[in-house]
């Protein structure tokens, strides 16, 4: 399994598209990721058919241990992004 970067995705997008240069492909990908992040920050759910759904979940306050000092600490409640793959994406990955 290899790691694919944003630049790798942009390169592949530019190759598949007759209209986009590598620079334009990077801008499209960066803009898309920013749009998704902005919508999540606003509390919205982003649903992309045949891909999946991005949402925000509330993580409750919990107790943890500082690994350096072994002291108990309280980890505050926080919002966390979540992604749920669509059925068609799961099928594509597993075939």
PDB file of N, CA and C in Angstrom:
ATOM      1  N   UNK A   1       0.846  -1.168   0.000  1.00  0.00           N
ATOM      2  CA  UNK A   1       0.000   0.000   0.000  1.00  0.00           C
ATOM      3  C   UNK A   1       0.896   1.237   0.000  1.00  0.00           C
ATOM      4  N   UNK A   2       0.658   2.124  -0.941  1.00  0.00           N
ATOM      5  CA  UNK A   2       1.477   3.334  -1.000  1.00  0.00           C
ATOM      6  C   UNK A   2       0.678   4.535  -0.521  1.00  0.00           C
ATOM      7  N   UNK A   3       1.375   5.543  -0.099  1.00  0.00           N
ATOM      8  CA  UNK A   3       0.760   6.780   0.377  1.00  0.00           C
ATOM      9  C   UNK A   3       0.641   7.732  -0.809  1.00  0.00           C
ATOM     10  N   UNK A   4      -0.544   8.296  -1.000  1.00  0.00           N
ATOM     11  CA  UNK A   4      -0.801   9.216  -2.105  1.00  0.00           C
ATOM     12  C   UNK A   4      -0.986  10.619  -1.524  1.00  0.00           C
ATOM     13  N   UNK A   5      -0.209  11.566  -2.017  1.00  0.00           N
ATOM     14  CA  UNK A   5      -0.270  12.940  -1.516  1.00  0.00           C
ATOM     15  C   UNK A   5      -1.254  13.778  -2.339  1.00  0.00           C
ATOM     16  N   UNK A   6      -1.495  14.990  -1.860  1.00  0.00           N
ATOM     17  CA  UNK A   6      -2.360  15.914  -2.591  1.00  0.00           C
ATOM     18  C   UNK A   6      -1.763  16.213  -3.973  1.00  0.00           C
ATOM     19  N   UNK A   7      -0.442  16.327  -4.045  1.00  0.00           N
ATOM     20  CA  UNK A   7       0.227  16.571  -5.328  1.00  0.00           C
ATOM     21  C   UNK A   7       0.037  15.385  -6.269  1.00  0.00           C
ATOM     22  N   UNK A   8       0.100  14.171  -5.733  1.00  0.00           N
ATOM     23  CA  UNK A   8      -0.134  12.974  -6.552  1.00  0.00           C
ATOM     24  C   UNK A   8      -1.552  12.986  -7.118  1.00  0.00           C
ATOM     25  N   UNK A   9      -2.519  13.344  -6.270  1.00  0.00           N
ATOM     26  CA  UNK A   9      -3.903  13.435  -6.737  1.00  0.00           C
ATOM     27  C   UNK A   9      -4.040  14.498  -7.821  1.00  0.00           C
ATOM     28  N   UNK A  10      -3.398  15.644  -7.620  1.00  0.00           N
ATOM     29  CA  UNK A  10      -3.454  16.732  -8.598  1.00  0.00           C
ATOM     30  C   UNK A  10      -2.841  16.299  -9.920  1.00  0.00           C
ATOM     31  N   UNK A  11      -1.744  15.573  -9.858  1.00  0.00           N
ATOM     32  CA  UNK A  11      -1.091  15.083 -11.064  1.00  0.00           C
ATOM     33  C   UNK A  11      -2.028  14.151 -11.837  1.00  0.00           C
ATOM     34  N   UNK A  12      -2.697  13.251 -11.109  1.00  0.00           N
ATOM     35  CA  UNK A  12      -3.620  12.314 -11.749  1.00  0.00           C
ATOM     36  C   UNK A  12      -4.834  13.044 -12.320  1.00  0.00           C
ATOM     37  N   UNK A  13      -5.337  14.049 -11.600  1.00  0.00           N
ATOM     38  CA  UNK A  13      -6.472  14.831 -12.079  1.00  0.00           C
ATOM     39  C   UNK A  13      -6.100  15.593 -13.358  1.00  0.00           C
ATOM     40  N   UNK A  14      -4.920  16.196 -13.369  1.00  0.00           N
ATOM     41  CA  UNK A  14      -4.466  16.936 -14.553  1.00  0.00           C
ATOM     42  C   UNK A  14      -4.305  15.992 -15.749  1.00  0.00           C
ATOM     43  N   UNK A  15      -3.829  14.787 -15.491  1.00  0.00           N
ATOM     44  CA  UNK A  15      -3.632  13.810 -16.573  1.00  0.00           C
ATOM     45  C   UNK A  15      -4.979  13.353 -17.147  1.00  0.00           C
ATOM     46  N   UNK A  16      -5.986  13.189 -16.267  1.00  0.00           N
ATOM     47  CA  UNK A  16      -7.306  12.741 -16.719  1.00  0.00           C
ATOM     48  C   UNK A  16      -8.080  13.851 -17.423  1.00  0.00           C
ATOM     49  N   UNK A  17      -7.758  15.082 -17.097  1.00  0.00           N
ATOM     50  CA  UNK A  17      -8.488  16.219 -17.654  1.00  0.00           C
ATOM     51  C   UNK A  17      -7.692  16.857 -18.789  1.00  0.00           C
ATOM     52  N   UNK A  18      -8.375  17.180 -19.854  1.00  0.00           N
ATOM     53  CA  UNK A  18      -7.709  17.859 -20.958  1.00  0.00           C
ATOM     54  C   UNK A  18      -7.609  19.361 -20.696  1.00  0.00           C
ATOM     55  N   UNK A  19      -8.417  19.874 -19.781  1.00  0.00           N
ATOM     56  CA  UNK A  19      -8.527  21.319 -19.561  1.00  0.00           C
ATOM     57  C   UNK A  19      -7.691  21.852 -18.407  1.00  0.00           C
ATOM     58  N   UNK A  20      -7.239  20.997 -17.485  1.00  0.00           N
ATOM     59  CA  UNK A  20      -6.573  21.476 -16.273  1.00  0.00           C
ATOM     60  C   UNK A  20      -5.069  21.220 -16.294  1.00  0.00           C
ATOM     61  N   UNK A  21      -4.307  22.241 -15.903  1.00  0.00           N
ATOM     62  CA  UNK A  21      -2.872  22.065 -15.712  1.00  0.00           C
ATOM     63  C   UNK A  21      -2.648  21.494 -14.313  1.00  0.00           C
ATOM     64  N   UNK A  22      -1.415  21.138 -13.997  1.00  0.00           N
ATOM     65  CA  UNK A  22      -1.091  20.629 -12.665  1.00  0.00           C
ATOM     66  C   UNK A  22      -1.395  21.698 -11.613  1.00  0.00           C
ATOM     67  N   UNK A  23      -1.021  22.933 -11.889  1.00  0.00           N
ATOM     68  CA  UNK A  23      -1.274  24.025 -10.941  1.00  0.00           C
ATOM     69  C   UNK A  23      -2.775  24.207 -10.702  1.00  0.00           C
ATOM     70  N   UNK A  24      -3.565  24.185 -11.770  1.00  0.00           N
ATOM     71  CA  UNK A  24      -5.011  24.336 -11.633  1.00  0.00           C
ATOM     72  C   UNK A  24      -5.622  23.156 -10.880  1.00  0.00           C
ATOM     73  N   UNK A  25      -5.110  21.961 -11.125  1.00  0.00           N
ATOM     74  CA  UNK A  25      -5.590  20.770 -10.423  1.00  0.00           C
ATOM     75  C   UNK A  25      -5.332  20.880  -8.928  1.00  0.00           C
ATOM     76  N   UNK A  26      -4.147  21.363  -8.551  1.00  0.00           N
ATOM     77  CA  UNK A  26      -3.833  21.560  -7.131  1.00  0.00           C
ATOM     78  C   UNK A  26      -4.793  22.565  -6.508  1.00  0.00           C
ATOM     79  N   UNK A  27      -5.084  23.638  -7.251  1.00  0.00           N
ATOM     80  CA  UNK A  27      -6.003  24.664  -6.744  1.00  0.00           C
ATOM     81  C   UNK A  27      -7.403  24.100  -6.546  1.00  0.00           C
ATOM     82  N   UNK A  28      -7.859  23.264  -7.472  1.00  0.00           N
ATOM     83  CA  UNK A  28      -9.186  22.650  -7.360  1.00  0.00           C
ATOM     84  C   UNK A  28      -9.248  21.757  -6.114  1.00  0.00           C
ATOM     85  N   UNK A  29      -8.251  20.921  -5.939  1.00  0.00           N
ATOM     86  CA  UNK A  29      -8.230  20.003  -4.796  1.00  0.00           C
ATOM     87  C   UNK A  29      -8.146  20.774  -3.486  1.00  0.00           C
ATOM     88  N   UNK A  30      -7.272  21.778  -3.421  1.00  0.00           N
ATOM     89  CA  UNK A  30      -7.137  22.598  -2.213  1.00  0.00           C
ATOM     90  C   UNK A  30      -8.457  23.308  -1.901  1.00  0.00           C
ATOM     91  N   UNK A  31      -9.105  23.847  -2.925  1.00  0.00           N
ATOM     92  CA  UNK A  31     -10.384  24.533  -2.741  1.00  0.00           C
ATOM     93  C   UNK A  31     -11.463  23.577  -2.242  1.00  0.00           C
ATOM     94  N   UNK A  32     -11.501  22.380  -2.803  1.00  0.00           N
ATOM     95  CA  UNK A  32     -12.492  21.386  -2.376  1.00  0.00           C
ATOM     96  C   UNK A  32     -12.298  21.028  -0.906  1.00  0.00           C
ATOM     97  N   UNK A  33     -11.064  20.752  -0.506  1.00  0.00           N
ATOM     98  CA  UNK A  33     -10.795  20.409   0.893  1.00  0.00           C
ATOM     99  C   UNK A  33     -11.151  21.565   1.825  1.00  0.00           C
ATOM    100  N   UNK A  34     -10.862  22.800   1.395  1.00  0.00           N
ATOM    101  CA  UNK A  34     -11.195  23.963   2.207  1.00  0.00           C
ATOM    102  C   UNK A  34     -12.701  24.128   2.337  1.00  0.00           C
ATOM    103  N   UNK A  35     -13.429  23.919   1.237  1.00  0.00           N
ATOM    104  CA  UNK A  35     -14.894  24.000   1.286  1.00  0.00           C
ATOM    105  C   UNK A  35     -15.482  22.983   2.261  1.00  0.00           C
ATOM    106  N   UNK A  36     -14.983  21.760   2.208  1.00  0.00           N
ATOM    107  CA  UNK A  36     -15.462  20.718   3.129  1.00  0.00           C
ATOM    108  C   UNK A  36     -15.165  21.122   4.564  1.00  0.00           C
ATOM    109  N   UNK A  37     -13.941  21.585   4.838  1.00  0.00           N
ATOM    110  CA  UNK A  37     -13.570  22.002   6.197  1.00  0.00           C
ATOM    111  C   UNK A  37     -14.423  23.174   6.671  1.00  0.00           C
ATOM    112  N   UNK A  38     -14.675  24.144   5.789  1.00  0.00           N
ATOM    113  CA  UNK A  38     -15.503  25.298   6.149  1.00  0.00           C
ATOM    114  C   UNK A  38     -16.930  24.878   6.492  1.00  0.00           C
ATOM    115  N   UNK A  39     -17.490  23.969   5.714  1.00  0.00           N
ATOM    116  CA  UNK A  39     -18.849  23.485   5.990  1.00  0.00           C
ATOM    117  C   UNK A  39     -18.909  22.740   7.318  1.00  0.00           C
ATOM    118  N   UNK A  40     -17.896  21.926   7.598  1.00  0.00           N
ATOM    119  CA  UNK A  40     -17.854  21.212   8.875  1.00  0.00           C
ATOM    120  C   UNK A  40     -17.712  22.194  10.033  1.00  0.00           C
ATOM    121  N   UNK A  41     -16.889  23.223   9.855  1.00  0.00           N
ATOM    122  CA  UNK A  41     -16.705  24.247  10.898  1.00  0.00           C
ATOM    123  C   UNK A  41     -18.008  24.974  11.187  1.00  0.00           C
ATOM    124  N   UNK A  42     -18.844  25.103  10.174  1.00  0.00           N
ATOM    125  CA  UNK A  42     -20.138  25.778  10.335  1.00  0.00           C
ATOM    126  C   UNK A  42     -21.192  24.835  10.927  1.00  0.00           C
ATOM    127  N   UNK A  43     -20.800  23.589  11.192  1.00  0.00           N
ATOM    128  CA  UNK A  43     -21.728  22.627  11.788  1.00  0.00           C
ATOM    129  C   UNK A  43     -22.555  21.855  10.786  1.00  0.00           C
ATOM    130  N   UNK A  44     -22.215  21.953   9.510  1.00  0.00           N
ATOM    131  CA  UNK A  44     -22.967  21.271   8.461  1.00  0.00           C
ATOM    132  C   UNK A  44     -22.405  19.880   8.174  1.00  0.00           C
ATOM    133  N   UNK A  45     -23.238  19.045   7.594  1.00  0.00           N
ATOM    134  CA  UNK A  45     -22.846  17.711   7.145  1.00  0.00           C
ATOM    135  C   UNK A  45     -22.613  17.794   5.640  1.00  0.00           C
ATOM    136  N   UNK A  46     -21.519  17.210   5.155  1.00  0.00           N
ATOM    137  CA  UNK A  46     -21.208  17.214   3.720  1.00  0.00           C
ATOM    138  C   UNK A  46     -21.389  15.792   3.201  1.00  0.00           C
ATOM    139  N   UNK A  47     -22.376  15.641   2.314  1.00  0.00           N
ATOM    140  CA  UNK A  47     -22.680  14.331   1.743  1.00  0.00           C
ATOM    141  C   UNK A  47     -22.278  14.331   0.278  1.00  0.00           C
ATOM    142  N   UNK A  48     -21.377  13.435  -0.101  1.00  0.00           N
ATOM    143  CA  UNK A  48     -20.950  13.292  -1.491  1.00  0.00           C
ATOM    144  C   UNK A  48     -21.412  11.919  -1.967  1.00  0.00           C
ATOM    145  N   UNK A  49     -22.464  11.889  -2.815  1.00  0.00           N
ATOM    146  CA  UNK A  49     -23.002  10.599  -3.270  1.00  0.00           C
ATOM    147  C   UNK A  49     -21.912   9.714  -3.886  1.00  0.00           C
ATOM    148  N   UNK A  50     -22.020   8.432  -3.623  1.00  0.00           N
ATOM    149  CA  UNK A  50     -21.084   7.409  -4.102  1.00  0.00           C
ATOM    150  C   UNK A  50     -19.679   7.562  -3.525  1.00  0.00           C
ATOM    151  N   UNK A  51     -19.511   8.433  -2.541  1.00  0.00           N
ATOM    152  CA  UNK A  51     -18.211   8.573  -1.871  1.00  0.00           C
ATOM    153  C   UNK A  51     -18.375   8.427  -0.365  1.00  0.00           C
ATOM    154  N   UNK A  52     -19.124   9.340   0.257  1.00  0.00           N
ATOM    155  CA  UNK A  52     -19.337   9.236   1.688  1.00  0.00           C
ATOM    156  C   UNK A  52     -19.840  10.528   2.290  1.00  0.00           C
ATOM    157  N   UNK A  53     -19.908  10.535   3.630  1.00  0.00           N
ATOM    158  CA  UNK A  53     -20.446  11.663   4.365  1.00  0.00           C
ATOM    159  C   UNK A  53     -19.444  12.126   5.413  1.00  0.00           C
ATOM    160  N   UNK A  54     -19.176  13.436   5.400  1.00  0.00           N
ATOM    161  CA  UNK A  54     -18.331  14.059   6.410  1.00  0.00           C
ATOM    162  C   UNK A  54     -19.258  14.723   7.420  1.00  0.00           C
ATOM    163  N   UNK A  55     -18.968  14.538   8.711  1.00  0.00           N
ATOM    164  CA  UNK A  55     -19.775  15.161   9.751  1.00  0.00           C
ATOM    165  C   UNK A  55     -18.890  15.472  10.954  1.00  0.00           C
ATOM    166  N   UNK A  56     -19.504  16.065  11.977  1.00  0.00           N
ATOM    167  CA  UNK A  56     -18.808  16.407  13.214  1.00  0.00           C
ATOM    168  C   UNK A  56     -19.461  15.641  14.351  1.00  0.00           C
ATOM    169  N   UNK A  57     -18.657  15.084  15.239  1.00  0.00           N
ATOM    170  CA  UNK A  57     -19.198  14.427  16.427  1.00  0.00           C
ATOM    171  C   UNK A  57     -18.652  15.126  17.663  1.00  0.00           C
ATOM    172  N   UNK A  58     -19.410  15.050  18.748  1.00  0.00           N
ATOM    173  CA  UNK A  58     -18.995  15.626  20.031  1.00  0.00           C
ATOM    174  C   UNK A  58     -18.314  14.530  20.838  1.00  0.00           C
ATOM    175  N   UNK A  59     -17.068  14.748  21.202  1.00  0.00           N
ATOM    176  CA  UNK A  59     -16.353  13.800  22.062  1.00  0.00           C
ATOM    177  C   UNK A  59     -16.473  14.285  23.495  1.00  0.00           C
ATOM    178  N   UNK A  60     -16.884  13.421  24.378  1.00  0.00           N
ATOM    179  CA  UNK A  60     -17.110  13.780  25.776  1.00  0.00           C
ATOM    180  C   UNK A  60     -15.783  13.995  26.507  1.00  0.00           C
ATOM    181  N   UNK A  61     -15.856  14.764  27.588  1.00  0.00           N
ATOM    182  CA  UNK A  61     -14.691  14.940  28.454  1.00  0.00           C
ATOM    183  C   UNK A  61     -14.326  13.572  29.029  1.00  0.00           C
ATOM    184  N   UNK A  62     -13.035  13.303  29.168  1.00  0.00           N
ATOM    185  CA  UNK A  62     -12.618  12.000  29.699  1.00  0.00           C
ATOM    186  C   UNK A  62     -11.317  12.130  30.472  1.00  0.00           C
ATOM    187  N   UNK A  63     -11.016  11.100  31.233  1.00  0.00           N
ATOM    188  CA  UNK A  63      -9.785  11.068  32.013  1.00  0.00           C
ATOM    189  C   UNK A  63      -8.692  10.381  31.206  1.00  0.00           C
ATOM    190  N   UNK A  64      -7.493  10.907  31.311  1.00  0.00           N
ATOM    191  CA  UNK A  64      -6.347  10.319  30.639  1.00  0.00           C
ATOM    192  C   UNK A  64      -5.152  10.340  31.573  1.00  0.00           C
ATOM    193  N   UNK A  65      -4.040   9.835  31.100  1.00  0.00           N
ATOM    194  CA  UNK A  65      -2.806   9.804  31.896  1.00  0.00           C
ATOM    195  C   UNK A  65      -1.698  10.440  31.072  1.00  0.00           C
ATOM    196  N   UNK A  66      -0.993  11.391  31.668  1.00  0.00           N
ATOM    197  CA  UNK A  66       0.156  11.999  31.019  1.00  0.00           C
ATOM    198  C   UNK A  66       1.253  10.938  30.957  1.00  0.00           C
ATOM    199  N   UNK A  67       1.711  10.542  29.765  1.00  0.00           N
ATOM    200  CA  UNK A  67       2.694   9.461  29.662  1.00  0.00           C
ATOM    201  C   UNK A  67       4.039   9.798  30.293  1.00  0.00           C
ATOM    202  N   UNK A  68       4.400  11.087  30.373  1.00  0.00           N
ATOM    203  CA  UNK A  68       5.692  11.456  30.962  1.00  0.00           C
ATOM    204  C   UNK A  68       5.673  11.396  32.483  1.00  0.00           C
ATOM    205  N   UNK A  69       4.614  11.956  33.055  1.00  0.00           N
ATOM    206  CA  UNK A  69       4.572  12.078  34.524  1.00  0.00           C
ATOM    207  C   UNK A  69       3.676  11.041  35.178  1.00  0.00           C
ATOM    208  N   UNK A  70       2.893  10.334  34.415  1.00  0.00           N
ATOM    209  CA  UNK A  70       1.912   9.349  34.889  1.00  0.00           C
ATOM    210  C   UNK A  70       0.804   9.990  35.719  1.00  0.00           C
ATOM    211  N   UNK A  71       0.696  11.305  35.665  1.00  0.00           N
ATOM    212  CA  UNK A  71      -0.344  12.015  36.405  1.00  0.00           C
ATOM    213  C   UNK A  71      -1.656  11.926  35.636  1.00  0.00           C
ATOM    214  N   UNK A  72      -2.758  11.837  36.384  1.00  0.00           N
ATOM    215  CA  UNK A  72      -4.072  11.817  35.758  1.00  0.00           C
ATOM    216  C   UNK A  72      -4.397  13.224  35.275  1.00  0.00           C
ATOM    217  N   UNK A  73      -4.961  13.299  34.060  1.00  0.00           N
ATOM    218  CA  UNK A  73      -5.353  14.587  33.501  1.00  0.00           C
ATOM    219  C   UNK A  73      -6.771  14.474  32.957  1.00  0.00           C
ATOM    220  N   UNK A  74      -7.417  15.597  32.850  1.00  0.00           N
ATOM    221  CA  UNK A  74      -8.748  15.634  32.250  1.00  0.00           C
ATOM    222  C   UNK A  74      -8.601  16.130  30.820  1.00  0.00           C
ATOM    223  N   UNK A  75      -9.069  15.333  29.894  1.00  0.00           N
ATOM    224  CA  UNK A  75      -9.050  15.712  28.490  1.00  0.00           C
ATOM    225  C   UNK A  75     -10.406  16.364  28.213  1.00  0.00           C
ATOM    226  N   UNK A  76     -10.412  17.643  27.811  1.00  0.00           N
ATOM    227  CA  UNK A  76     -11.690  18.347  27.651  1.00  0.00           C
ATOM    228  C   UNK A  76     -12.530  17.807  26.495  1.00  0.00           C
ATOM    229  N   UNK A  77     -13.828  18.069  26.570  1.00  0.00           N
ATOM    230  CA  UNK A  77     -14.733  17.709  25.481  1.00  0.00           C
ATOM    231  C   UNK A  77     -14.330  18.490  24.233  1.00  0.00           C
ATOM    232  N   UNK A  78     -14.522  17.884  23.093  1.00  0.00           N
ATOM    233  CA  UNK A  78     -14.168  18.575  21.848  1.00  0.00           C
ATOM    234  C   UNK A  78     -14.962  18.017  20.678  1.00  0.00           C
ATOM    235  N   UNK A  79     -15.006  18.803  19.619  1.00  0.00           N
ATOM    236  CA  UNK A  79     -15.626  18.354  18.382  1.00  0.00           C
ATOM    237  C   UNK A  79     -14.577  17.624  17.552  1.00  0.00           C
ATOM    238  N   UNK A  80     -15.013  16.603  16.835  1.00  0.00           N
ATOM    239  CA  UNK A  80     -14.081  15.812  16.038  1.00  0.00           C
ATOM    240  C   UNK A  80     -14.703  15.496  14.682  1.00  0.00           C
ATOM    241  N   UNK A  81     -13.955  15.663  13.587  1.00  0.00           N
ATOM    242  CA  UNK A  81     -14.509  15.312  12.276  1.00  0.00           C
ATOM    243  C   UNK A  81     -14.646  13.803  12.122  1.00  0.00           C
ATOM    244  N   UNK A  82     -15.635  13.407  11.340  1.00  0.00           N
ATOM    245  CA  UNK A  82     -15.925  11.987  11.143  1.00  0.00           C
ATOM    246  C   UNK A  82     -16.239  11.771   9.660  1.00  0.00           C
ATOM    247  N   UNK A  83     -15.815  10.641   9.122  1.00  0.00           N
ATOM    248  CA  UNK A  83     -16.137  10.286   7.737  1.00  0.00           C
ATOM    249  C   UNK A  83     -16.759   8.898   7.718  1.00  0.00           C
ATOM    250  N   UNK A  84     -17.891   8.771   7.020  1.00  0.00           N
ATOM    251  CA  UNK A  84     -18.527   7.467   6.845  1.00  0.00           C
ATOM    252  C   UNK A  84     -18.584   7.182   5.352  1.00  0.00           C
ATOM    253  N   UNK A  85     -17.906   6.141   4.934  1.00  0.00           N
ATOM    254  CA  UNK A  85     -17.849   5.772   3.510  1.00  0.00           C
ATOM    255  C   UNK A  85     -19.214   5.292   3.029  1.00  0.00           C
ATOM    256  N   UNK A  86     -19.532   5.615   1.778  1.00  0.00           N
ATOM    257  CA  UNK A  86     -20.791   5.152   1.182  1.00  0.00           C
ATOM    258  C   UNK A  86     -20.689   3.661   0.867  1.00  0.00           C
ATOM    259  N   UNK A  87     -21.842   3.062   0.656  1.00  0.00           N
ATOM    260  CA  UNK A  87     -21.882   1.642   0.322  1.00  0.00           C
ATOM    261  C   UNK A  87     -21.125   1.368  -0.976  1.00  0.00           C
ATOM    262  N   UNK A  88     -21.298   2.249  -1.969  1.00  0.00           N
ATOM    263  CA  UNK A  88     -20.627   2.028  -3.253  1.00  0.00           C
ATOM    264  C   UNK A  88     -19.109   2.164  -3.130  1.00  0.00           C
ATOM    265  N   UNK A  89     -18.616   3.076  -2.265  1.00  0.00           N
ATOM    266  CA  UNK A  89     -17.174   3.187  -2.044  1.00  0.00           C
ATOM    267  C   UNK A  89     -16.637   1.940  -1.357  1.00  0.00           C
ATOM    268  N   UNK A  90     -17.371   1.434  -0.373  1.00  0.00           N
ATOM    269  CA  UNK A  90     -16.964   0.205   0.314  1.00  0.00           C
ATOM    270  C   UNK A  90     -16.873  -0.958  -0.662  1.00  0.00           C
ATOM    271  N   UNK A  91     -17.878  -1.067  -1.552  1.00  0.00           N
ATOM    272  CA  UNK A  91     -17.863  -2.148  -2.549  1.00  0.00           C
ATOM    273  C   UNK A  91     -16.674  -2.012  -3.493  1.00  0.00           C
ATOM    274  N   UNK A  92     -16.390  -0.783  -3.926  1.00  0.00           N
ATOM    275  CA  UNK A  92     -15.276  -0.539  -4.834  1.00  0.00           C
ATOM    276  C   UNK A  92     -13.946  -0.909  -4.184  1.00  0.00           C
ATOM    277  N   UNK A  93     -13.768  -0.559  -2.927  1.00  0.00           N
ATOM    278  CA  UNK A  93     -12.522  -0.847  -2.215  1.00  0.00           C
ATOM    279  C   UNK A  93     -12.347  -2.341  -1.975  1.00  0.00           C
ATOM    280  N   UNK A  94     -13.434  -3.042  -1.747  1.00  0.00           N
ATOM    281  CA  UNK A  94     -13.359  -4.465  -1.415  1.00  0.00           C
ATOM    282  C   UNK A  94     -13.405  -5.394  -2.614  1.00  0.00           C
ATOM    283  N   UNK A  95     -13.458  -4.842  -3.815  1.00  0.00           N
ATOM    284  CA  UNK A  95     -13.453  -5.700  -5.014  1.00  0.00           C
ATOM    285  C   UNK A  95     -12.202  -5.510  -5.805  1.00  0.00           C
TER     286      UNK A  95
END
